Amino acid sequence: KIPDGMKGVFIRTGPNPIAEHGHTKRYHWFDGHGYWHTIRLDSKTQAATYNSGWIKTGRYLFERAVGRDYFNGIGELIGFTGLAKAVVSMPRKPSAAGLDLLTVGQANTAVIMHAGHLYALH
């Protein structure tokens, strides 16, 4: 039973890999794209509703369009090859994809409400 007077929504985001892209790269759980999970509760109707879905960031939409993991992830930063990717490849990929530092994030870390808007952070 949902306690009397309880009405609202719990929202969280977390990292999820795009399964259709396969697992061709080393993966760290911070590397996944943002994915909403919401639970809406209403004590009057005794209803609990769950919804989920991808957060459609510029990075997510770009990788969906090209059909593969394009950006480097934390899981790839191992050894000398990882260092080379961090110095050479990682800084160039956002601009090559038409994104900037504010739009290349995965929105997979936290959710905040600010000035009446809901934001997913990276």
PDB file of N, CA and C in Angstrom:
ATOM      1  N   LYS A   1       0.843  -1.178   0.000  1.00  0.00           N
ATOM      2  CA  LYS A   1       0.000   0.000   0.000  1.00  0.00           C
ATOM      3  C   LYS A   1       0.890   1.245   0.000  1.00  0.00           C
ATOM      4  N   ILE A   2       0.526   2.196  -0.847  1.00  0.00           N
ATOM      5  CA  ILE A   2       1.220   3.486  -0.875  1.00  0.00           C
ATOM      6  C   ILE A   2       0.662   4.319   0.278  1.00  0.00           C
ATOM      7  N   PRO A   3       1.518   4.846   1.157  1.00  0.00           N
ATOM      8  CA  PRO A   3       1.045   5.607   2.318  1.00  0.00           C
ATOM      9  C   PRO A   3       0.199   6.817   1.922  1.00  0.00           C
ATOM     10  N   ASP A   4      -0.788   7.129   2.753  1.00  0.00           N
ATOM     11  CA  ASP A   4      -1.670   8.274   2.517  1.00  0.00           C
ATOM     12  C   ASP A   4      -0.857   9.545   2.332  1.00  0.00           C
ATOM     13  N   GLY A   5      -1.284  10.376   1.402  1.00  0.00           N
ATOM     14  CA  GLY A   5      -0.642  11.662   1.158  1.00  0.00           C
ATOM     15  C   GLY A   5       0.594  11.602   0.283  1.00  0.00           C
ATOM     16  N   MET A   6       0.987  10.408  -0.122  1.00  0.00           N
ATOM     17  CA  MET A   6       2.188  10.307  -0.947  1.00  0.00           C
ATOM     18  C   MET A   6       1.805  10.429  -2.422  1.00  0.00           C
ATOM     19  N   LYS A   7       2.344  11.451  -3.046  1.00  0.00           N
ATOM     20  CA  LYS A   7       2.128  11.660  -4.467  1.00  0.00           C
ATOM     21  C   LYS A   7       3.367  12.360  -5.003  1.00  0.00           C
ATOM     22  N   GLY A   8       3.964  11.788  -6.031  1.00  0.00           N
ATOM     23  CA  GLY A   8       5.154  12.397  -6.610  1.00  0.00           C
ATOM     24  C   GLY A   8       5.871  11.440  -7.524  1.00  0.00           C
ATOM     25  N   VAL A   9       7.060  11.847  -7.886  1.00  0.00           N
ATOM     26  CA  VAL A   9       7.842  11.042  -8.817  1.00  0.00           C
ATOM     27  C   VAL A   9       9.291  10.964  -8.335  1.00  0.00           C
ATOM     28  N   PHE A  10       9.864   9.775  -8.443  1.00  0.00           N
ATOM     29  CA  PHE A  10      11.283   9.550  -8.164  1.00  0.00           C
ATOM     30  C   PHE A  10      11.955   9.388  -9.527  1.00  0.00           C
ATOM     31  N   ILE A  11      12.997  10.185  -9.774  1.00  0.00           N
ATOM     32  CA  ILE A  11      13.694  10.146 -11.056  1.00  0.00           C
ATOM     33  C   ILE A  11      15.173   9.912 -10.805  1.00  0.00           C
ATOM     34  N   ARG A  12      15.746   9.008 -11.588  1.00  0.00           N
ATOM     35  CA  ARG A  12      17.188   8.804 -11.519  1.00  0.00           C
ATOM     36  C   ARG A  12      17.704   8.550 -12.914  1.00  0.00           C
ATOM     37  N   THR A  13      18.977   8.783 -13.095  1.00  0.00           N
ATOM     38  CA  THR A  13      19.641   8.452 -14.344  1.00  0.00           C
ATOM     39  C   THR A  13      20.864   7.615 -14.015  1.00  0.00           C
ATOM     40  N   GLY A  14      21.238   6.805 -14.955  1.00  0.00           N
ATOM     41  CA  GLY A  14      22.421   5.979 -14.779  1.00  0.00           C
ATOM     42  C   GLY A  14      22.990   5.605 -16.133  1.00  0.00           C
ATOM     43  N   PRO A  15      24.229   5.122 -16.166  1.00  0.00           N
ATOM     44  CA  PRO A  15      24.866   4.782 -17.432  1.00  0.00           C
ATOM     45  C   PRO A  15      24.417   3.424 -17.972  1.00  0.00           C
ATOM     46  N   ASN A  16      24.054   3.409 -19.244  1.00  0.00           N
ATOM     47  CA  ASN A  16      23.707   2.165 -19.934  1.00  0.00           C
ATOM     48  C   ASN A  16      24.403   2.158 -21.291  1.00  0.00           C
ATOM     49  N   PRO A  17      25.038   1.047 -21.668  1.00  0.00           N
ATOM     50  CA  PRO A  17      25.616   0.966 -23.016  1.00  0.00           C
ATOM     51  C   PRO A  17      24.506   0.714 -24.038  1.00  0.00           C
ATOM     52  N   ILE A  18      24.736   1.090 -25.276  1.00  0.00           N
ATOM     53  CA  ILE A  18      23.787   0.793 -26.350  1.00  0.00           C
ATOM     54  C   ILE A  18      24.071  -0.639 -26.792  1.00  0.00           C
ATOM     55  N   ALA A  19      23.171  -1.546 -26.456  1.00  0.00           N
ATOM     56  CA  ALA A  19      23.396  -2.975 -26.687  1.00  0.00           C
ATOM     57  C   ALA A  19      23.605  -3.302 -28.165  1.00  0.00           C
ATOM     58  N   GLU A  20      22.898  -2.615 -29.050  1.00  0.00           N
ATOM     59  CA  GLU A  20      22.999  -2.903 -30.478  1.00  0.00           C
ATOM     60  C   GLU A  20      24.389  -2.635 -31.047  1.00  0.00           C
ATOM     61  N   HIS A  21      25.190  -1.838 -30.348  1.00  0.00           N
ATOM     62  CA  HIS A  21      26.537  -1.539 -30.824  1.00  0.00           C
ATOM     63  C   HIS A  21      27.521  -2.647 -30.478  1.00  0.00           C
ATOM     64  N   GLY A  22      27.067  -3.635 -29.737  1.00  0.00           N
ATOM     65  CA  GLY A  22      27.968  -4.714 -29.338  1.00  0.00           C
ATOM     66  C   GLY A  22      28.948  -4.222 -28.295  1.00  0.00           C
ATOM     67  N   HIS A  23      29.868  -5.048 -27.955  1.00  0.00           N
ATOM     68  CA  HIS A  23      30.875  -4.680 -26.952  1.00  0.00           C
ATOM     69  C   HIS A  23      32.250  -4.861 -27.578  1.00  0.00           C
ATOM     70  N   THR A  24      32.592  -3.930 -28.455  1.00  0.00           N
ATOM     71  CA  THR A  24      33.859  -4.020 -29.182  1.00  0.00           C
ATOM     72  C   THR A  24      34.993  -3.304 -28.474  1.00  0.00           C
ATOM     73  N   LYS A  25      34.676  -2.490 -27.469  1.00  0.00           N
ATOM     74  CA  LYS A  25      35.688  -1.747 -26.731  1.00  0.00           C
ATOM     75  C   LYS A  25      35.676  -2.170 -25.267  1.00  0.00           C
ATOM     76  N   ARG A  26      36.797  -1.902 -24.584  1.00  0.00           N
ATOM     77  CA  ARG A  26      36.806  -2.102 -23.132  1.00  0.00           C
ATOM     78  C   ARG A  26      35.767  -1.168 -22.530  1.00  0.00           C
ATOM     79  N   TYR A  27      34.996  -1.663 -21.593  1.00  0.00           N
ATOM     80  CA  TYR A  27      33.889  -0.889 -21.044  1.00  0.00           C
ATOM     81  C   TYR A  27      34.073  -0.667 -19.548  1.00  0.00           C
ATOM     82  N   HIS A  28      33.834   0.560 -19.135  1.00  0.00           N
ATOM     83  CA  HIS A  28      33.765   0.906 -17.723  1.00  0.00           C
ATOM     84  C   HIS A  28      32.343   1.375 -17.473  1.00  0.00           C
ATOM     85  N   TRP A  29      31.768   1.093 -16.336  1.00  0.00           N
ATOM     86  CA  TRP A  29      30.358   1.429 -16.129  1.00  0.00           C
ATOM     87  C   TRP A  29      30.067   2.915 -16.129  1.00  0.00           C
ATOM     88  N   PHE A  30      31.075   3.786 -16.074  1.00  0.00           N
ATOM     89  CA  PHE A  30      30.853   5.229 -16.260  1.00  0.00           C
ATOM     90  C   PHE A  30      30.648   5.586 -17.734  1.00  0.00           C
ATOM     91  N   ASP A  31      30.993   4.691 -18.645  1.00  0.00           N
ATOM     92  CA  ASP A  31      30.983   4.992 -20.076  1.00  0.00           C
ATOM     93  C   ASP A  31      29.596   4.996 -20.716  1.00  0.00           C
ATOM     94  N   GLY A  32      28.605   4.419 -20.102  1.00  0.00           N
ATOM     95  CA  GLY A  32      27.291   4.289 -20.733  1.00  0.00           C
ATOM     96  C   GLY A  32      26.549   5.606 -20.895  1.00  0.00           C
ATOM     97  N   HIS A  33      25.602   5.609 -21.826  1.00  0.00           N
ATOM     98  CA  HIS A  33      24.749   6.774 -22.051  1.00  0.00           C
ATOM     99  C   HIS A  33      23.702   6.881 -20.950  1.00  0.00           C
ATOM    100  N   GLY A  34      23.235   8.097 -20.726  1.00  0.00           N
ATOM    101  CA  GLY A  34      22.227   8.335 -19.711  1.00  0.00           C
ATOM    102  C   GLY A  34      20.905   7.646 -20.049  1.00  0.00           C
ATOM    103  N   TYR A  35      20.300   7.058 -19.038  1.00  0.00           N
ATOM    104  CA  TYR A  35      19.034   6.338 -19.195  1.00  0.00           C
ATOM    105  C   TYR A  35      18.148   6.696 -18.012  1.00  0.00           C
ATOM    106  N   TRP A  36      16.973   7.295 -18.290  1.00  0.00           N
ATOM    107  CA  TRP A  36      16.029   7.690 -17.228  1.00  0.00           C
ATOM    108  C   TRP A  36      15.337   6.473 -16.647  1.00  0.00           C
ATOM    109  N   HIS A  37      15.090   6.529 -15.358  1.00  0.00           N
ATOM    110  CA  HIS A  37      14.212   5.588 -14.667  1.00  0.00           C
ATOM    111  C   HIS A  37      13.301   6.447 -13.799  1.00  0.00           C
ATOM    112  N   THR A  38      11.988   6.317 -13.952  1.00  0.00           N
ATOM    113  CA  THR A  38      11.058   7.097 -13.133  1.00  0.00           C
ATOM    114  C   THR A  38      10.020   6.178 -12.501  1.00  0.00           C
ATOM    115  N   ILE A  39       9.682   6.491 -11.266  1.00  0.00           N
ATOM    116  CA  ILE A  39       8.583   5.816 -10.577  1.00  0.00           C
ATOM    117  C   ILE A  39       7.648   6.909 -10.079  1.00  0.00           C
ATOM    118  N   ARG A  40       6.423   6.876 -10.557  1.00  0.00           N
ATOM    119  CA  ARG A  40       5.398   7.850 -10.174  1.00  0.00           C
ATOM    120  C   ARG A  40       4.451   7.164  -9.193  1.00  0.00           C
ATOM    121  N   LEU A  41       4.232   7.800  -8.023  1.00  0.00           N
ATOM    122  CA  LEU A  41       3.374   7.251  -6.976  1.00  0.00           C
ATOM    123  C   LEU A  41       2.189   8.164  -6.709  1.00  0.00           C
ATOM    124  N   ASP A  42       1.023   7.563  -6.443  1.00  0.00           N
ATOM    125  CA  ASP A  42      -0.181   8.329  -6.116  1.00  0.00           C
ATOM    126  C   ASP A  42      -0.992   7.531  -5.094  1.00  0.00           C
ATOM    127  N   SER A  43      -1.059   8.040  -3.857  1.00  0.00           N
ATOM    128  CA  SER A  43      -1.759   7.308  -2.790  1.00  0.00           C
ATOM    129  C   SER A  43      -3.275   7.295  -2.998  1.00  0.00           C
ATOM    130  N   LYS A  44      -3.836   8.312  -3.653  1.00  0.00           N
ATOM    131  CA  LYS A  44      -5.286   8.339  -3.874  1.00  0.00           C
ATOM    132  C   LYS A  44      -5.745   7.208  -4.777  1.00  0.00           C
ATOM    133  N   THR A  45      -5.006   6.973  -5.844  1.00  0.00           N
ATOM    134  CA  THR A  45      -5.383   5.909  -6.788  1.00  0.00           C
ATOM    135  C   THR A  45      -4.645   4.604  -6.513  1.00  0.00           C
ATOM    136  N   GLN A  46      -3.707   4.636  -5.562  1.00  0.00           N
ATOM    137  CA  GLN A  46      -2.851   3.488  -5.254  1.00  0.00           C
ATOM    138  C   GLN A  46      -2.117   2.998  -6.507  1.00  0.00           C
ATOM    139  N   ALA A  47      -1.699   3.967  -7.318  1.00  0.00           N
ATOM    140  CA  ALA A  47      -0.998   3.632  -8.558  1.00  0.00           C
ATOM    141  C   ALA A  47       0.493   3.902  -8.427  1.00  0.00           C
ATOM    142  N   ALA A  48       1.265   2.985  -8.953  1.00  0.00           N
ATOM    143  CA  ALA A  48       2.704   3.145  -9.082  1.00  0.00           C
ATOM    144  C   ALA A  48       3.046   2.837 -10.538  1.00  0.00           C
ATOM    145  N   THR A  49       3.673   3.796 -11.212  1.00  0.00           N
ATOM    146  CA  THR A  49       3.967   3.647 -12.633  1.00  0.00           C
ATOM    147  C   THR A  49       5.456   3.808 -12.864  1.00  0.00           C
ATOM    148  N   TYR A  50       6.023   2.873 -13.609  1.00  0.00           N
ATOM    149  CA  TYR A  50       7.450   2.919 -13.950  1.00  0.00           C
ATOM    150  C   TYR A  50       7.602   3.257 -15.432  1.00  0.00           C
ATOM    151  N   ASN A  51       8.538   4.144 -15.740  1.00  0.00           N
ATOM    152  CA  ASN A  51       8.909   4.463 -17.119  1.00  0.00           C
ATOM    153  C   ASN A  51      10.419   4.555 -17.209  1.00  0.00           C
ATOM    154  N   SER A  52      10.935   4.357 -18.407  1.00  0.00           N
ATOM    155  CA  SER A  52      12.373   4.498 -18.617  1.00  0.00           C
ATOM    156  C   SER A  52      12.633   4.839 -20.072  1.00  0.00           C
ATOM    157  N   GLY A  53      13.817   5.345 -20.343  1.00  0.00           N
ATOM    158  CA  GLY A  53      14.190   5.644 -21.713  1.00  0.00           C
ATOM    159  C   GLY A  53      15.519   6.373 -21.795  1.00  0.00           C
ATOM    160  N   TRP A  54      16.065   6.370 -22.994  1.00  0.00           N
ATOM    161  CA  TRP A  54      17.343   7.029 -23.238  1.00  0.00           C
ATOM    162  C   TRP A  54      17.213   8.535 -23.113  1.00  0.00           C
ATOM    163  N   ILE A  55      18.257   9.183 -22.596  1.00  0.00           N
ATOM    164  CA  ILE A  55      18.352  10.642 -22.596  1.00  0.00           C
ATOM    165  C   ILE A  55      19.030  10.999 -23.918  1.00  0.00           C
ATOM    166  N   LYS A  56      18.330  11.685 -24.764  1.00  0.00           N
ATOM    167  CA  LYS A  56      18.789  11.908 -26.132  1.00  0.00           C
ATOM    168  C   LYS A  56      19.738  13.108 -26.225  1.00  0.00           C
ATOM    169  N   THR A  57      20.943  12.893 -25.718  1.00  0.00           N
ATOM    170  CA  THR A  57      21.992  13.907 -25.789  1.00  0.00           C
ATOM    171  C   THR A  57      22.559  13.948 -27.207  1.00  0.00           C
ATOM    172  N   GLY A  58      23.340  14.972 -27.505  1.00  0.00           N
ATOM    173  CA  GLY A  58      24.005  15.047 -28.799  1.00  0.00           C
ATOM    174  C   GLY A  58      24.906  13.847 -29.035  1.00  0.00           C
ATOM    175  N   ARG A  59      25.580  13.423 -27.997  1.00  0.00           N
ATOM    176  CA  ARG A  59      26.482  12.259 -28.088  1.00  0.00           C
ATOM    177  C   ARG A  59      25.702  10.988 -28.406  1.00  0.00           C
ATOM    178  N   TYR A  60      24.596  10.780 -27.706  1.00  0.00           N
ATOM    179  CA  TYR A  60      23.759   9.606 -27.934  1.00  0.00           C
ATOM    180  C   TYR A  60      23.223   9.597 -29.372  1.00  0.00           C
ATOM    181  N   LEU A  61      22.677  10.732 -29.817  1.00  0.00           N
ATOM    182  CA  LEU A  61      22.103  10.812 -31.160  1.00  0.00           C
ATOM    183  C   LEU A  61      23.163  10.592 -32.236  1.00  0.00           C
ATOM    184  N   PHE A  62      24.375  11.113 -32.018  1.00  0.00           N
ATOM    185  CA  PHE A  62      25.453  10.909 -32.982  1.00  0.00           C
ATOM    186  C   PHE A  62      25.823   9.426 -33.074  1.00  0.00           C
ATOM    187  N   GLU A  63      26.005   8.776 -31.928  1.00  0.00           N
ATOM    188  CA  GLU A  63      26.393   7.364 -31.957  1.00  0.00           C
ATOM    189  C   GLU A  63      25.280   6.480 -32.517  1.00  0.00           C
ATOM    190  N   ARG A  64      24.029   6.821 -32.266  1.00  0.00           N
ATOM    191  CA  ARG A  64      22.915   6.086 -32.884  1.00  0.00           C
ATOM    192  C   ARG A  64      22.952   6.253 -34.404  1.00  0.00           C
ATOM    193  N   ALA A  65      23.248   7.482 -34.871  1.00  0.00           N
ATOM    194  CA  ALA A  65      23.266   7.755 -36.314  1.00  0.00           C
ATOM    195  C   ALA A  65      24.386   6.995 -37.026  1.00  0.00           C
ATOM    196  N   VAL A  66      25.564   6.915 -36.393  1.00  0.00           N
ATOM    197  CA  VAL A  66      26.676   6.197 -37.034  1.00  0.00           C
ATOM    198  C   VAL A  66      26.617   4.693 -36.770  1.00  0.00           C
ATOM    199  N   GLY A  67      25.782   4.272 -35.826  1.00  0.00           N
ATOM    200  CA  GLY A  67      25.574   2.847 -35.578  1.00  0.00           C
ATOM    201  C   GLY A  67      26.680   2.127 -34.838  1.00  0.00           C
ATOM    202  N   ARG A  68      27.489   2.883 -34.104  1.00  0.00           N
ATOM    203  CA  ARG A  68      28.583   2.253 -33.339  1.00  0.00           C
ATOM    204  C   ARG A  68      29.041   3.205 -32.245  1.00  0.00           C
ATOM    205  N   ASP A  69      29.850   2.683 -31.322  1.00  0.00           N
ATOM    206  CA  ASP A  69      30.487   3.528 -30.314  1.00  0.00           C
ATOM    207  C   ASP A  69      31.570   4.339 -31.020  1.00  0.00           C
ATOM    208  N   TYR A  70      31.445   5.644 -30.992  1.00  0.00           N
ATOM    209  CA  TYR A  70      32.395   6.524 -31.675  1.00  0.00           C
ATOM    210  C   TYR A  70      33.372   7.154 -30.686  1.00  0.00           C
ATOM    211  N   PHE A  71      32.870   7.605 -29.560  1.00  0.00           N
ATOM    212  CA  PHE A  71      33.689   8.312 -28.590  1.00  0.00           C
ATOM    213  C   PHE A  71      34.478   7.340 -27.730  1.00  0.00           C
ATOM    214  N   ASN A  72      35.648   7.790 -27.275  1.00  0.00           N
ATOM    215  CA  ASN A  72      36.450   6.981 -26.367  1.00  0.00           C
ATOM    216  C   ASN A  72      35.816   6.990 -24.991  1.00  0.00           C
ATOM    217  N   GLY A  73      35.988   5.893 -24.276  1.00  0.00           N
ATOM    218  CA  GLY A  73      35.463   5.791 -22.930  1.00  0.00           C
ATOM    219  C   GLY A  73      36.562   5.575 -21.910  1.00  0.00           C
ATOM    220  N   ILE A  74      36.206   5.671 -20.656  1.00  0.00           N
ATOM    221  CA  ILE A  74      37.166   5.477 -19.565  1.00  0.00           C
ATOM    222  C   ILE A  74      37.785   4.085 -19.631  1.00  0.00           C
ATOM    223  N   GLY A  75      36.984   3.107 -20.022  1.00  0.00           N
ATOM    224  CA  GLY A  75      37.471   1.737 -20.100  1.00  0.00           C
ATOM    225  C   GLY A  75      38.621   1.543 -21.073  1.00  0.00           C
ATOM    226  N   GLU A  76      38.772   2.447 -22.010  1.00  0.00           N
ATOM    227  CA  GLU A  76      39.848   2.342 -23.009  1.00  0.00           C
ATOM    228  C   GLU A  76      41.157   2.976 -22.552  1.00  0.00           C
ATOM    229  N   LEU A  77      41.143   3.689 -21.460  1.00  0.00           N
ATOM    230  CA  LEU A  77      42.329   4.443 -21.028  1.00  0.00           C
ATOM    231  C   LEU A  77      43.248   3.566 -20.187  1.00  0.00           C
ATOM    232  N   ILE A  78      43.835   2.581 -20.835  1.00  0.00           N
ATOM    233  CA  ILE A  78      44.720   1.626 -20.162  1.00  0.00           C
ATOM    234  C   ILE A  78      46.067   1.613 -20.876  1.00  0.00           C
ATOM    235  N   GLY A  79      47.144   1.760 -20.114  1.00  0.00           N
ATOM    236  CA  GLY A  79      48.494   1.683 -20.654  1.00  0.00           C
ATOM    237  C   GLY A  79      48.844   2.816 -21.604  1.00  0.00           C
ATOM    238  N   PHE A  80      49.890   2.575 -22.416  1.00  0.00           N
ATOM    239  CA  PHE A  80      50.371   3.597 -23.339  1.00  0.00           C
ATOM    240  C   PHE A  80      49.334   3.916 -24.406  1.00  0.00           C
ATOM    241  N   THR A  81      48.644   2.894 -24.906  1.00  0.00           N
ATOM    242  CA  THR A  81      47.604   3.120 -25.920  1.00  0.00           C
ATOM    243  C   THR A  81      46.508   4.011 -25.356  1.00  0.00           C
ATOM    244  N   GLY A  82      46.109   3.763 -24.109  1.00  0.00           N
ATOM    245  CA  GLY A  82      45.094   4.591 -23.462  1.00  0.00           C
ATOM    246  C   GLY A  82      45.554   6.020 -23.290  1.00  0.00           C
ATOM    247  N   LEU A  83      46.823   6.205 -22.939  1.00  0.00           N
ATOM    248  CA  LEU A  83      47.377   7.545 -22.803  1.00  0.00           C
ATOM    249  C   LEU A  83      47.360   8.261 -24.154  1.00  0.00           C
ATOM    250  N   ALA A  84      47.725   7.565 -25.212  1.00  0.00           N
ATOM    251  CA  ALA A  84      47.712   8.157 -26.552  1.00  0.00           C
ATOM    252  C   ALA A  84      46.296   8.559 -26.953  1.00  0.00           C
ATOM    253  N   LYS A  85      45.313   7.724 -26.646  1.00  0.00           N
ATOM    254  CA  LYS A  85      43.914   8.066 -26.950  1.00  0.00           C
ATOM    255  C   LYS A  85      43.485   9.305 -26.170  1.00  0.00           C
ATOM    256  N   ALA A  86      43.879   9.375 -24.910  1.00  0.00           N
ATOM    257  CA  ALA A  86      43.494  10.516 -24.069  1.00  0.00           C
ATOM    258  C   ALA A  86      44.100  11.816 -24.575  1.00  0.00           C
ATOM    259  N   VAL A  87      45.304  11.761 -25.106  1.00  0.00           N
ATOM    260  CA  VAL A  87      45.996  12.974 -25.547  1.00  0.00           C
ATOM    261  C   VAL A  87      45.641  13.346 -26.986  1.00  0.00           C
ATOM    262  N   VAL A  88      45.516  12.370 -27.867  1.00  0.00           N
ATOM    263  CA  VAL A  88      45.350  12.650 -29.292  1.00  0.00           C
ATOM    264  C   VAL A  88      43.889  12.553 -29.742  1.00  0.00           C
ATOM    265  N   SER A  89      43.254  11.447 -29.465  1.00  0.00           N
ATOM    266  CA  SER A  89      41.929  11.162 -30.019  1.00  0.00           C
ATOM    267  C   SER A  89      40.780  11.824 -29.265  1.00  0.00           C
ATOM    268  N   MET A  90      40.774  11.694 -27.955  1.00  0.00           N
ATOM    269  CA  MET A  90      39.639  12.180 -27.157  1.00  0.00           C
ATOM    270  C   MET A  90      39.348  13.677 -27.340  1.00  0.00           C
ATOM    271  N   PRO A  91      40.355  14.545 -27.359  1.00  0.00           N
ATOM    272  CA  PRO A  91      40.046  15.974 -27.516  1.00  0.00           C
ATOM    273  C   PRO A  91      39.473  16.331 -28.891  1.00  0.00           C
ATOM    274  N   ARG A  92      39.749  15.534 -29.909  1.00  0.00           N
ATOM    275  CA  ARG A  92      39.334  15.868 -31.278  1.00  0.00           C
ATOM    276  C   ARG A  92      37.955  15.335 -31.641  1.00  0.00           C
ATOM    277  N   LYS A  93      37.538  14.264 -31.038  1.00  0.00           N
ATOM    278  CA  LYS A  93      36.301  13.613 -31.454  1.00  0.00           C
ATOM    279  C   LYS A  93      35.043  14.468 -31.273  1.00  0.00           C
ATOM    280  N   PRO A  94      34.880  15.213 -30.188  1.00  0.00           N
ATOM    281  CA  PRO A  94      33.659  16.017 -30.068  1.00  0.00           C
ATOM    282  C   PRO A  94      33.470  17.009 -31.217  1.00  0.00           C
ATOM    283  N   SER A  95      34.505  17.767 -31.551  1.00  0.00           N
ATOM    284  CA  SER A  95      34.350  18.754 -32.631  1.00  0.00           C
ATOM    285  C   SER A  95      34.154  18.063 -33.978  1.00  0.00           C
ATOM    286  N   ALA A  96      34.790  16.910 -34.192  1.00  0.00           N
ATOM    287  CA  ALA A  96      34.595  16.158 -35.437  1.00  0.00           C
ATOM    288  C   ALA A  96      33.155  15.677 -35.568  1.00  0.00           C
ATOM    289  N   ALA A  97      32.487  15.473 -34.422  1.00  0.00           N
ATOM    290  CA  ALA A  97      31.091  15.033 -34.414  1.00  0.00           C
ATOM    291  C   ALA A  97      30.116  16.205 -34.390  1.00  0.00           C
ATOM    292  N   GLY A  98      30.640  17.437 -34.409  1.00  0.00           N
ATOM    293  CA  GLY A  98      29.786  18.618 -34.376  1.00  0.00           C
ATOM    294  C   GLY A  98      29.279  18.965 -32.991  1.00  0.00           C
ATOM    295  N   LEU A  99      29.965  18.484 -31.956  1.00  0.00           N
ATOM    296  CA  LEU A  99      29.578  18.742 -30.569  1.00  0.00           C
ATOM    297  C   LEU A  99      30.642  19.590 -29.888  1.00  0.00           C
ATOM    298  N   ASP A 100      30.281  20.157 -28.741  1.00  0.00           N
ATOM    299  CA  ASP A 100      31.256  20.906 -27.954  1.00  0.00           C
ATOM    300  C   ASP A 100      31.304  20.308 -26.554  1.00  0.00           C
ATOM    301  N   LEU A 101      32.087  20.893 -25.684  1.00  0.00           N
ATOM    302  CA  LEU A 101      32.259  20.329 -24.344  1.00  0.00           C
ATOM    303  C   LEU A 101      30.967  20.320 -23.528  1.00  0.00           C
ATOM    304  N   LEU A 102      30.015  21.207 -23.842  1.00  0.00           N
ATOM    305  CA  LEU A 102      28.744  21.218 -23.116  1.00  0.00           C
ATOM    306  C   LEU A 102      27.742  20.204 -23.658  1.00  0.00           C
ATOM    307  N   THR A 103      27.913  19.755 -24.884  1.00  0.00           N
ATOM    308  CA  THR A 103      26.934  18.839 -25.481  1.00  0.00           C
ATOM    309  C   THR A 103      27.465  17.428 -25.695  1.00  0.00           C
ATOM    310  N   VAL A 104      28.710  17.168 -25.349  1.00  0.00           N
ATOM    311  CA  VAL A 104      29.292  15.852 -25.588  1.00  0.00           C
ATOM    312  C   VAL A 104      29.100  14.893 -24.403  1.00  0.00           C
ATOM    313  N   GLY A 105      28.598  15.385 -23.279  1.00  0.00           N
ATOM    314  CA  GLY A 105      28.410  14.534 -22.097  1.00  0.00           C
ATOM    315  C   GLY A 105      27.307  13.501 -22.284  1.00  0.00           C
ATOM    316  N   GLN A 106      27.325  12.490 -21.431  1.00  0.00           N
ATOM    317  CA  GLN A 106      26.373  11.397 -21.536  1.00  0.00           C
ATOM    318  C   GLN A 106      25.136  11.560 -20.656  1.00  0.00           C
ATOM    319  N   ALA A 107      25.108  12.558 -19.792  1.00  0.00           N
ATOM    320  CA  ALA A 107      23.958  12.793 -18.903  1.00  0.00           C
ATOM    321  C   ALA A 107      23.627  11.538 -18.101  1.00  0.00           C
ATOM    322  N   ASN A 108      24.640  10.937 -17.503  1.00  0.00           N
ATOM    323  CA  ASN A 108      24.442   9.651 -16.833  1.00  0.00           C
ATOM    324  C   ASN A 108      24.789   9.653 -15.345  1.00  0.00           C
ATOM    325  N   THR A 109      24.891  10.837 -14.738  1.00  0.00           N
ATOM    326  CA  THR A 109      25.394  10.915 -13.372  1.00  0.00           C
ATOM    327  C   THR A 109      24.355  11.292 -12.331  1.00  0.00           C
ATOM    328  N   ALA A 110      23.609  12.348 -12.580  1.00  0.00           N
ATOM    329  CA  ALA A 110      22.665  12.849 -11.574  1.00  0.00           C
ATOM    330  C   ALA A 110      21.552  13.626 -12.257  1.00  0.00           C
ATOM    331  N   VAL A 111      20.465  13.840 -11.521  1.00  0.00           N
ATOM    332  CA  VAL A 111      19.329  14.620 -11.999  1.00  0.00           C
ATOM    333  C   VAL A 111      19.096  15.743 -11.002  1.00  0.00           C
ATOM    334  N   ILE A 112      18.931  16.977 -11.509  1.00  0.00           N
ATOM    335  CA  ILE A 112      18.624  18.113 -10.641  1.00  0.00           C
ATOM    336  C   ILE A 112      17.492  18.927 -11.249  1.00  0.00           C
ATOM    337  N   MET A 113      16.781  19.644 -10.392  1.00  0.00           N
ATOM    338  CA  MET A 113      15.757  20.583 -10.828  1.00  0.00           C
ATOM    339  C   MET A 113      16.311  21.979 -10.590  1.00  0.00           C
ATOM    340  N   HIS A 114      16.282  22.818 -11.627  1.00  0.00           N
ATOM    341  CA  HIS A 114      16.767  24.189 -11.502  1.00  0.00           C
ATOM    342  C   HIS A 114      15.870  25.101 -12.326  1.00  0.00           C
ATOM    343  N   ALA A 115      15.353  26.128 -11.693  1.00  0.00           N
ATOM    344  CA  ALA A 115      14.511  27.137 -12.360  1.00  0.00           C
ATOM    345  C   ALA A 115      13.368  26.494 -13.140  1.00  0.00           C
ATOM    346  N   GLY A 116      12.774  25.474 -12.560  1.00  0.00           N
ATOM    347  CA  GLY A 116      11.620  24.830 -13.175  1.00  0.00           C
ATOM    348  C   GLY A 116      11.947  23.854 -14.290  1.00  0.00           C
ATOM    349  N   HIS A 117      13.243  23.566 -14.496  1.00  0.00           N
ATOM    350  CA  HIS A 117      13.669  22.629 -15.545  1.00  0.00           C
ATOM    351  C   HIS A 117      14.404  21.460 -14.905  1.00  0.00           C
ATOM    352  N   LEU A 118      14.233  20.287 -15.476  1.00  0.00           N
ATOM    353  CA  LEU A 118      14.921  19.093 -15.020  1.00  0.00           C
ATOM    354  C   LEU A 118      16.156  18.882 -15.891  1.00  0.00           C
ATOM    355  N   TYR A 119      17.303  18.704 -15.251  1.00  0.00           N
ATOM    356  CA  TYR A 119      18.551  18.520 -15.974  1.00  0.00           C
ATOM    357  C   TYR A 119      19.201  17.203 -15.570  1.00  0.00           C
ATOM    358  N   ALA A 120      19.765  16.511 -16.546  1.00  0.00           N
ATOM    359  CA  ALA A 120      20.580  15.319 -16.287  1.00  0.00           C
ATOM    360  C   ALA A 120      22.034  15.728 -16.459  1.00  0.00           C
ATOM    361  N   LEU A 121      22.853  15.461 -15.460  1.00  0.00           N
ATOM    362  CA  LEU A 121      24.249  15.916 -15.455  1.00  0.00           C
ATOM    363  C   LEU A 121      25.197  14.822 -15.870  1.00  0.00           C
ATOM    364  N   HIS A 122      26.385  15.257 -16.259  1.00  0.00           N
ATOM    365  CA  HIS A 122      27.468  14.323 -16.595  1.00  0.00           C
ATOM    366  C   HIS A 122      28.663  14.684 -15.747  1.00  0.00           C
TER     367      HIS A 122
END
